[in-house]
Amino acid sequence: MSIKDSINHAKAEAKEVVGKVTGDKKTETEGAAEKFADKVKDAVEDVKDSVEGAIEGVKNAVHKDEK
């Protein structure tokens, strides 16, 4: 997670807490939705990294067999 992602997560968390404390359901929901979106983004990035690693592994195996 990059610094930018960490800052965005902290903002979303703060927004949710402020909404809870003030009783503002809209702000609370927006914060929760932003946190959820951050988690989905992180999961997608993890899957992307895994797929890229698997592809690289296959490429290495193919090139090894060619030698």
PDB file of N, CA and C in Angstrom:
ATOM      1  N   MET A   1       0.855  -1.175   0.000  1.00  0.00           N
ATOM      2  CA  MET A   1       0.000   0.000   0.000  1.00  0.00           C
ATOM      3  C   MET A   1       0.898   1.234   0.000  1.00  0.00           C
ATOM      4  N   SER A   2       0.634   2.118  -0.927  1.00  0.00           N
ATOM      5  CA  SER A   2       1.436   3.334  -1.031  1.00  0.00           C
ATOM      6  C   SER A   2       1.033   4.346   0.039  1.00  0.00           C
ATOM      7  N   ILE A   3       1.838   5.369   0.180  1.00  0.00           N
ATOM      8  CA  ILE A   3       1.528   6.423   1.147  1.00  0.00           C
ATOM      9  C   ILE A   3       0.214   7.086   0.769  1.00  0.00           C
ATOM     10  N   LYS A   4       0.013   7.310  -0.527  1.00  0.00           N
ATOM     11  CA  LYS A   4      -1.225   7.927  -0.996  1.00  0.00           C
ATOM     12  C   LYS A   4      -2.427   7.063  -0.609  1.00  0.00           C
ATOM     13  N   ASP A   5      -2.309   5.749  -0.787  1.00  0.00           N
ATOM     14  CA  ASP A   5      -3.390   4.839  -0.422  1.00  0.00           C
ATOM     15  C   ASP A   5      -3.644   4.866   1.084  1.00  0.00           C
ATOM     16  N   SER A   6      -2.571   4.939   1.868  1.00  0.00           N
ATOM     17  CA  SER A   6      -2.714   5.002   3.324  1.00  0.00           C
ATOM     18  C   SER A   6      -3.424   6.285   3.750  1.00  0.00           C
ATOM     19  N   ILE A   7      -3.082   7.382   3.103  1.00  0.00           N
ATOM     20  CA  ILE A   7      -3.725   8.665   3.416  1.00  0.00           C
ATOM     21  C   ILE A   7      -5.207   8.609   3.058  1.00  0.00           C
ATOM     22  N   ASN A   8      -5.522   8.056   1.885  1.00  0.00           N
ATOM     23  CA  ASN A   8      -6.925   7.939   1.481  1.00  0.00           C
ATOM     24  C   ASN A   8      -7.709   7.056   2.442  1.00  0.00           C
ATOM     25  N   HIS A   9      -7.085   5.975   2.901  1.00  0.00           N
ATOM     26  CA  HIS A   9      -7.746   5.092   3.870  1.00  0.00           C
ATOM     27  C   HIS A   9      -7.996   5.833   5.184  1.00  0.00           C
ATOM     28  N   ALA A  10      -7.010   6.594   5.635  1.00  0.00           N
ATOM     29  CA  ALA A  10      -7.169   7.356   6.879  1.00  0.00           C
ATOM     30  C   ALA A  10      -8.275   8.403   6.743  1.00  0.00           C
ATOM     31  N   LYS A  11      -8.348   9.055   5.584  1.00  0.00           N
ATOM     32  CA  LYS A  11      -9.415  10.037   5.355  1.00  0.00           C
ATOM     33  C   LYS A  11     -10.787   9.370   5.399  1.00  0.00           C
ATOM     34  N   ALA A  12     -10.897   8.209   4.759  1.00  0.00           N
ATOM     35  CA  ALA A  12     -12.166   7.491   4.744  1.00  0.00           C
ATOM     36  C   ALA A  12     -12.555   7.071   6.155  1.00  0.00           C
ATOM     37  N   GLU A  13     -11.580   6.592   6.904  1.00  0.00           N
ATOM     38  CA  GLU A  13     -11.827   6.185   8.295  1.00  0.00           C
ATOM     39  C   GLU A  13     -12.299   7.384   9.116  1.00  0.00           C
ATOM     40  N   ALA A  14     -11.613   8.515   8.952  1.00  0.00           N
ATOM     41  CA  ALA A  14     -11.987   9.721   9.694  1.00  0.00           C
ATOM     42  C   ALA A  14     -13.394  10.177   9.312  1.00  0.00           C
ATOM     43  N   LYS A  15     -13.690  10.123   8.049  1.00  0.00           N
ATOM     44  CA  LYS A  15     -15.011  10.540   7.570  1.00  0.00           C
ATOM     45  C   LYS A  15     -16.099   9.667   8.199  1.00  0.00           C
ATOM     46  N   GLU A  16     -15.852   8.378   8.251  1.00  0.00           N
ATOM     47  CA  GLU A  16     -16.827   7.461   8.853  1.00  0.00           C
ATOM     48  C   GLU A  16     -17.012   7.763  10.333  1.00  0.00           C
ATOM     49  N   VAL A  17     -15.906   7.983  11.031  1.00  0.00           N
ATOM     50  CA  VAL A  17     -15.977   8.271  12.472  1.00  0.00           C
ATOM     51  C   VAL A  17     -16.708   9.593  12.725  1.00  0.00           C
ATOM     52  N   VAL A  18     -16.370  10.612  11.947  1.00  0.00           N
ATOM     53  CA  VAL A  18     -17.046  11.907  12.107  1.00  0.00           C
ATOM     54  C   VAL A  18     -18.542  11.741  11.881  1.00  0.00           C
ATOM     55  N   GLY A  19     -18.909  10.973  10.883  1.00  0.00           N
ATOM     56  CA  GLY A  19     -20.322  10.712  10.629  1.00  0.00           C
ATOM     57  C   GLY A  19     -20.999  10.025  11.792  1.00  0.00           C
ATOM     58  N   LYS A  20     -20.313   9.058  12.390  1.00  0.00           N
ATOM     59  CA  LYS A  20     -20.874   8.355  13.550  1.00  0.00           C
ATOM     60  C   LYS A  20     -21.042   9.300  14.731  1.00  0.00           C
ATOM     61  N   VAL A  21     -19.999  10.082  15.007  1.00  0.00           N
ATOM     62  CA  VAL A  21     -20.013  10.979  16.176  1.00  0.00           C
ATOM     63  C   VAL A  21     -21.086  12.066  16.036  1.00  0.00           C
ATOM     64  N   THR A  22     -21.225  12.591  14.826  1.00  0.00           N
ATOM     65  CA  THR A  22     -22.179  13.684  14.607  1.00  0.00           C
ATOM     66  C   THR A  22     -23.584  13.192  14.289  1.00  0.00           C
ATOM     67  N   GLY A  23     -23.721  11.897  14.070  1.00  0.00           N
ATOM     68  CA  GLY A  23     -25.024  11.349  13.719  1.00  0.00           C
ATOM     69  C   GLY A  23     -25.393  11.593  12.262  1.00  0.00           C
ATOM     70  N   ASP A  24     -24.404  11.950  11.457  1.00  0.00           N
ATOM     71  CA  ASP A  24     -24.619  12.208  10.038  1.00  0.00           C
ATOM     72  C   ASP A  24     -24.446  10.900   9.272  1.00  0.00           C
ATOM     73  N   LYS A  25     -25.575  10.250   9.001  1.00  0.00           N
ATOM     74  CA  LYS A  25     -25.534   8.937   8.340  1.00  0.00           C
ATOM     75  C   LYS A  25     -24.927   9.016   6.948  1.00  0.00           C
ATOM     76  N   LYS A  26     -25.167  10.124   6.237  1.00  0.00           N
ATOM     77  CA  LYS A  26     -24.625  10.261   4.883  1.00  0.00           C
ATOM     78  C   LYS A  26     -23.100  10.254   4.915  1.00  0.00           C
ATOM     79  N   THR A  27     -22.502  11.048   5.799  1.00  0.00           N
ATOM     80  CA  THR A  27     -21.042  11.108   5.912  1.00  0.00           C
ATOM     81  C   THR A  27     -20.479   9.769   6.383  1.00  0.00           C
ATOM     82  N   GLU A  28     -21.157   9.156   7.336  1.00  0.00           N
ATOM     83  CA  GLU A  28     -20.720   7.850   7.837  1.00  0.00           C
ATOM     84  C   GLU A  28     -20.729   6.815   6.706  1.00  0.00           C
ATOM     85  N   THR A  29     -21.790   6.809   5.931  1.00  0.00           N
ATOM     86  CA  THR A  29     -21.907   5.857   4.832  1.00  0.00           C
ATOM     87  C   THR A  29     -20.873   6.128   3.748  1.00  0.00           C
ATOM     88  N   GLU A  30     -20.640   7.392   3.445  1.00  0.00           N
ATOM     89  CA  GLU A  30     -19.622   7.734   2.448  1.00  0.00           C
ATOM     90  C   GLU A  30     -18.244   7.246   2.898  1.00  0.00           C
ATOM     91  N   GLY A  31     -17.915   7.462   4.165  1.00  0.00           N
ATOM     92  CA  GLY A  31     -16.632   6.995   4.686  1.00  0.00           C
ATOM     93  C   GLY A  31     -16.507   5.485   4.604  1.00  0.00           C
ATOM     94  N   ALA A  32     -17.572   4.785   4.977  1.00  0.00           N
ATOM     95  CA  ALA A  32     -17.558   3.320   4.923  1.00  0.00           C
ATOM     96  C   ALA A  32     -17.418   2.849   3.478  1.00  0.00           C
ATOM     97  N   ALA A  33     -18.100   3.516   2.557  1.00  0.00           N
ATOM     98  CA  ALA A  33     -18.017   3.135   1.147  1.00  0.00           C
ATOM     99  C   ALA A  33     -16.611   3.375   0.597  1.00  0.00           C
ATOM    100  N   GLU A  34     -16.005   4.485   0.993  1.00  0.00           N
ATOM    101  CA  GLU A  34     -14.641   4.770   0.542  1.00  0.00           C
ATOM    102  C   GLU A  34     -13.659   3.737   1.090  1.00  0.00           C
ATOM    103  N   LYS A  35     -13.841   3.333   2.348  1.00  0.00           N
ATOM    104  CA  LYS A  35     -12.975   2.288   2.914  1.00  0.00           C
ATOM    105  C   LYS A  35     -13.144   0.978   2.152  1.00  0.00           C
ATOM    106  N   PHE A  36     -14.388   0.641   1.832  1.00  0.00           N
ATOM    107  CA  PHE A  36     -14.657  -0.578   1.083  1.00  0.00           C
ATOM    108  C   PHE A  36     -14.006  -0.513  -0.294  1.00  0.00           C
ATOM    109  N   ALA A  37     -14.131   0.624  -0.961  1.00  0.00           N
ATOM    110  CA  ALA A  37     -13.523   0.791  -2.286  1.00  0.00           C
ATOM    111  C   ALA A  37     -12.010   0.633  -2.208  1.00  0.00           C
ATOM    112  N   ASP A  38     -11.395   1.152  -1.142  1.00  0.00           N
ATOM    113  CA  ASP A  38      -9.949   0.990  -0.958  1.00  0.00           C
ATOM    114  C   ASP A  38      -9.581  -0.479  -0.815  1.00  0.00           C
ATOM    115  N   LYS A  39     -10.395  -1.227  -0.053  1.00  0.00           N
ATOM    116  CA  LYS A  39     -10.114  -2.652   0.142  1.00  0.00           C
ATOM    117  C   LYS A  39     -10.242  -3.419  -1.177  1.00  0.00           C
ATOM    118  N   VAL A  40     -11.255  -3.073  -1.964  1.00  0.00           N
ATOM    119  CA  VAL A  40     -11.436  -3.729  -3.260  1.00  0.00           C
ATOM    120  C   VAL A  40     -10.250  -3.418  -4.166  1.00  0.00           C
ATOM    121  N   LYS A  41      -9.823  -2.160  -4.177  1.00  0.00           N
ATOM    122  CA  LYS A  41      -8.677  -1.761  -5.002  1.00  0.00           C
ATOM    123  C   LYS A  41      -7.433  -2.553  -4.593  1.00  0.00           C
ATOM    124  N   ASP A  42      -7.204  -2.674  -3.285  1.00  0.00           N
ATOM    125  CA  ASP A  42      -6.046  -3.439  -2.806  1.00  0.00           C
ATOM    126  C   ASP A  42      -6.138  -4.904  -3.233  1.00  0.00           C
ATOM    127  N   ALA A  43      -7.334  -5.478  -3.152  1.00  0.00           N
ATOM    128  CA  ALA A  43      -7.515  -6.880  -3.536  1.00  0.00           C
ATOM    129  C   ALA A  43      -7.248  -7.068  -5.025  1.00  0.00           C
ATOM    130  N   VAL A  44      -7.732  -6.142  -5.839  1.00  0.00           N
ATOM    131  CA  VAL A  44      -7.509  -6.226  -7.284  1.00  0.00           C
ATOM    132  C   VAL A  44      -6.022  -6.119  -7.592  1.00  0.00           C
ATOM    133  N   GLU A  45      -5.328  -5.223  -6.911  1.00  0.00           N
ATOM    134  CA  GLU A  45      -3.884  -5.087  -7.121  1.00  0.00           C
ATOM    135  C   GLU A  45      -3.151  -6.355  -6.727  1.00  0.00           C
ATOM    136  N   ASP A  46      -3.586  -6.994  -5.634  1.00  0.00           N
ATOM    137  CA  ASP A  46      -2.967  -8.251  -5.206  1.00  0.00           C
ATOM    138  C   ASP A  46      -3.162  -9.344  -6.256  1.00  0.00           C
ATOM    139  N   VAL A  47      -4.377  -9.433  -6.797  1.00  0.00           N
ATOM    140  CA  VAL A  47      -4.656 -10.431  -7.828  1.00  0.00           C
ATOM    141  C   VAL A  47      -3.809 -10.147  -9.066  1.00  0.00           C
ATOM    142  N   LYS A  48      -3.740  -8.883  -9.448  1.00  0.00           N
ATOM    143  CA  LYS A  48      -2.936  -8.492 -10.617  1.00  0.00           C
ATOM    144  C   LYS A  48      -1.479  -8.911 -10.418  1.00  0.00           C
ATOM    145  N   ASP A  49      -0.936  -8.627  -9.235  1.00  0.00           N
ATOM    146  CA  ASP A  49       0.449  -9.006  -8.950  1.00  0.00           C
ATOM    147  C   ASP A  49       0.638 -10.526  -9.001  1.00  0.00           C
ATOM    148  N   SER A  50      -0.337 -11.262  -8.480  1.00  0.00           N
ATOM    149  CA  SER A  50      -0.250 -12.724  -8.503  1.00  0.00           C
ATOM    150  C   SER A  50      -0.269 -13.264  -9.928  1.00  0.00           C
ATOM    151  N   VAL A  51      -1.160 -12.708 -10.754  1.00  0.00           N
ATOM    152  CA  VAL A  51      -1.254 -13.152 -12.141  1.00  0.00           C
ATOM    153  C   VAL A  51       0.038 -12.819 -12.884  1.00  0.00           C
ATOM    154  N   GLU A  52       0.555 -11.622 -12.680  1.00  0.00           N
ATOM    155  CA  GLU A  52       1.811 -11.245 -13.330  1.00  0.00           C
ATOM    156  C   GLU A  52       2.944 -12.174 -12.906  1.00  0.00           C
ATOM    157  N   GLY A  53       2.975 -12.550 -11.634  1.00  0.00           N
ATOM    158  CA  GLY A  53       3.992 -13.475 -11.145  1.00  0.00           C
ATOM    159  C   GLY A  53       3.850 -14.848 -11.765  1.00  0.00           C
ATOM    160  N   ALA A  54       2.612 -15.307 -11.903  1.00  0.00           N
ATOM    161  CA  ALA A  54       2.374 -16.610 -12.510  1.00  0.00           C
ATOM    162  C   ALA A  54       2.795 -16.604 -13.977  1.00  0.00           C
ATOM    163  N   ILE A  55       2.473 -15.522 -14.672  1.00  0.00           N
ATOM    164  CA  ILE A  55       2.860 -15.413 -16.081  1.00  0.00           C
ATOM    165  C   ILE A  55       4.378 -15.421 -16.217  1.00  0.00           C
ATOM    166  N   GLU A  56       5.039 -14.696 -15.361  1.00  0.00           N
ATOM    167  CA  GLU A  56       6.504 -14.650 -15.394  1.00  0.00           C
ATOM    168  C   GLU A  56       7.088 -16.040 -15.117  1.00  0.00           C
ATOM    169  N   GLY A  57       6.477 -16.761 -14.177  1.00  0.00           N
ATOM    170  CA  GLY A  57       6.931 -18.120 -13.883  1.00  0.00           C
ATOM    171  C   GLY A  57       6.785 -19.047 -15.072  1.00  0.00           C
ATOM    172  N   VAL A  58       5.677 -18.927 -15.789  1.00  0.00           N
ATOM    173  CA  VAL A  58       5.460 -19.753 -16.978  1.00  0.00           C
ATOM    174  C   VAL A  58       6.484 -19.391 -18.051  1.00  0.00           C
ATOM    175  N   LYS A  59       6.709 -18.090 -18.243  1.00  0.00           N
ATOM    176  CA  LYS A  59       7.707 -17.661 -19.233  1.00  0.00           C
ATOM    177  C   LYS A  59       9.078 -18.239 -18.905  1.00  0.00           C
ATOM    178  N   ASN A  60       9.453 -18.184 -17.638  1.00  0.00           N
ATOM    179  CA  ASN A  60      10.757 -18.714 -17.227  1.00  0.00           C
ATOM    180  C   ASN A  60      10.837 -20.220 -17.460  1.00  0.00           C
ATOM    181  N   ALA A  61       9.747 -20.926 -17.194  1.00  0.00           N
ATOM    182  CA  ALA A  61       9.734 -22.373 -17.392  1.00  0.00           C
ATOM    183  C   ALA A  61       9.855 -22.712 -18.875  1.00  0.00           C
ATOM    184  N   VAL A  62       9.174 -21.950 -19.703  1.00  0.00           N
ATOM    185  CA  VAL A  62       9.234 -22.200 -21.161  1.00  0.00           C
ATOM    186  C   VAL A  62      10.624 -21.930 -21.669  1.00  0.00           C
ATOM    187  N   HIS A  63      11.213 -20.815 -21.263  1.00  0.00           N
ATOM    188  CA  HIS A  63      12.575 -20.476 -21.732  1.00  0.00           C
ATOM    189  C   HIS A  63      13.597 -21.469 -21.207  1.00  0.00           C
ATOM    190  N   LYS A  64      13.392 -21.995 -20.027  1.00  0.00           N
ATOM    191  CA  LYS A  64      14.313 -22.984 -19.466  1.00  0.00           C
ATOM    192  C   LYS A  64      14.260 -24.270 -20.292  1.00  0.00           C
ATOM    193  N   ASP A  65      13.051 -24.636 -20.701  1.00  0.00           N
ATOM    194  CA  ASP A  65      12.893 -25.859 -21.507  1.00  0.00           C
ATOM    195  C   ASP A  65      13.494 -25.690 -22.902  1.00  0.00           C
ATOM    196  N   GLU A  66      13.566 -24.468 -23.409  1.00  0.00           N
ATOM    197  CA  GLU A  66      14.112 -24.226 -24.743  1.00  0.00           C
ATOM    198  C   GLU A  66      15.625 -24.344 -24.771  1.00  0.00           C
ATOM    199  N   LYS A  67      16.274 -24.219 -23.642  1.00  0.00           N
ATOM    200  CA  LYS A  67      17.743 -24.248 -23.583  1.00  0.00           C
ATOM    201  C   LYS A  67      18.282 -25.626 -23.502  1.00  0.00           C
TER     202      LYS A  67
END
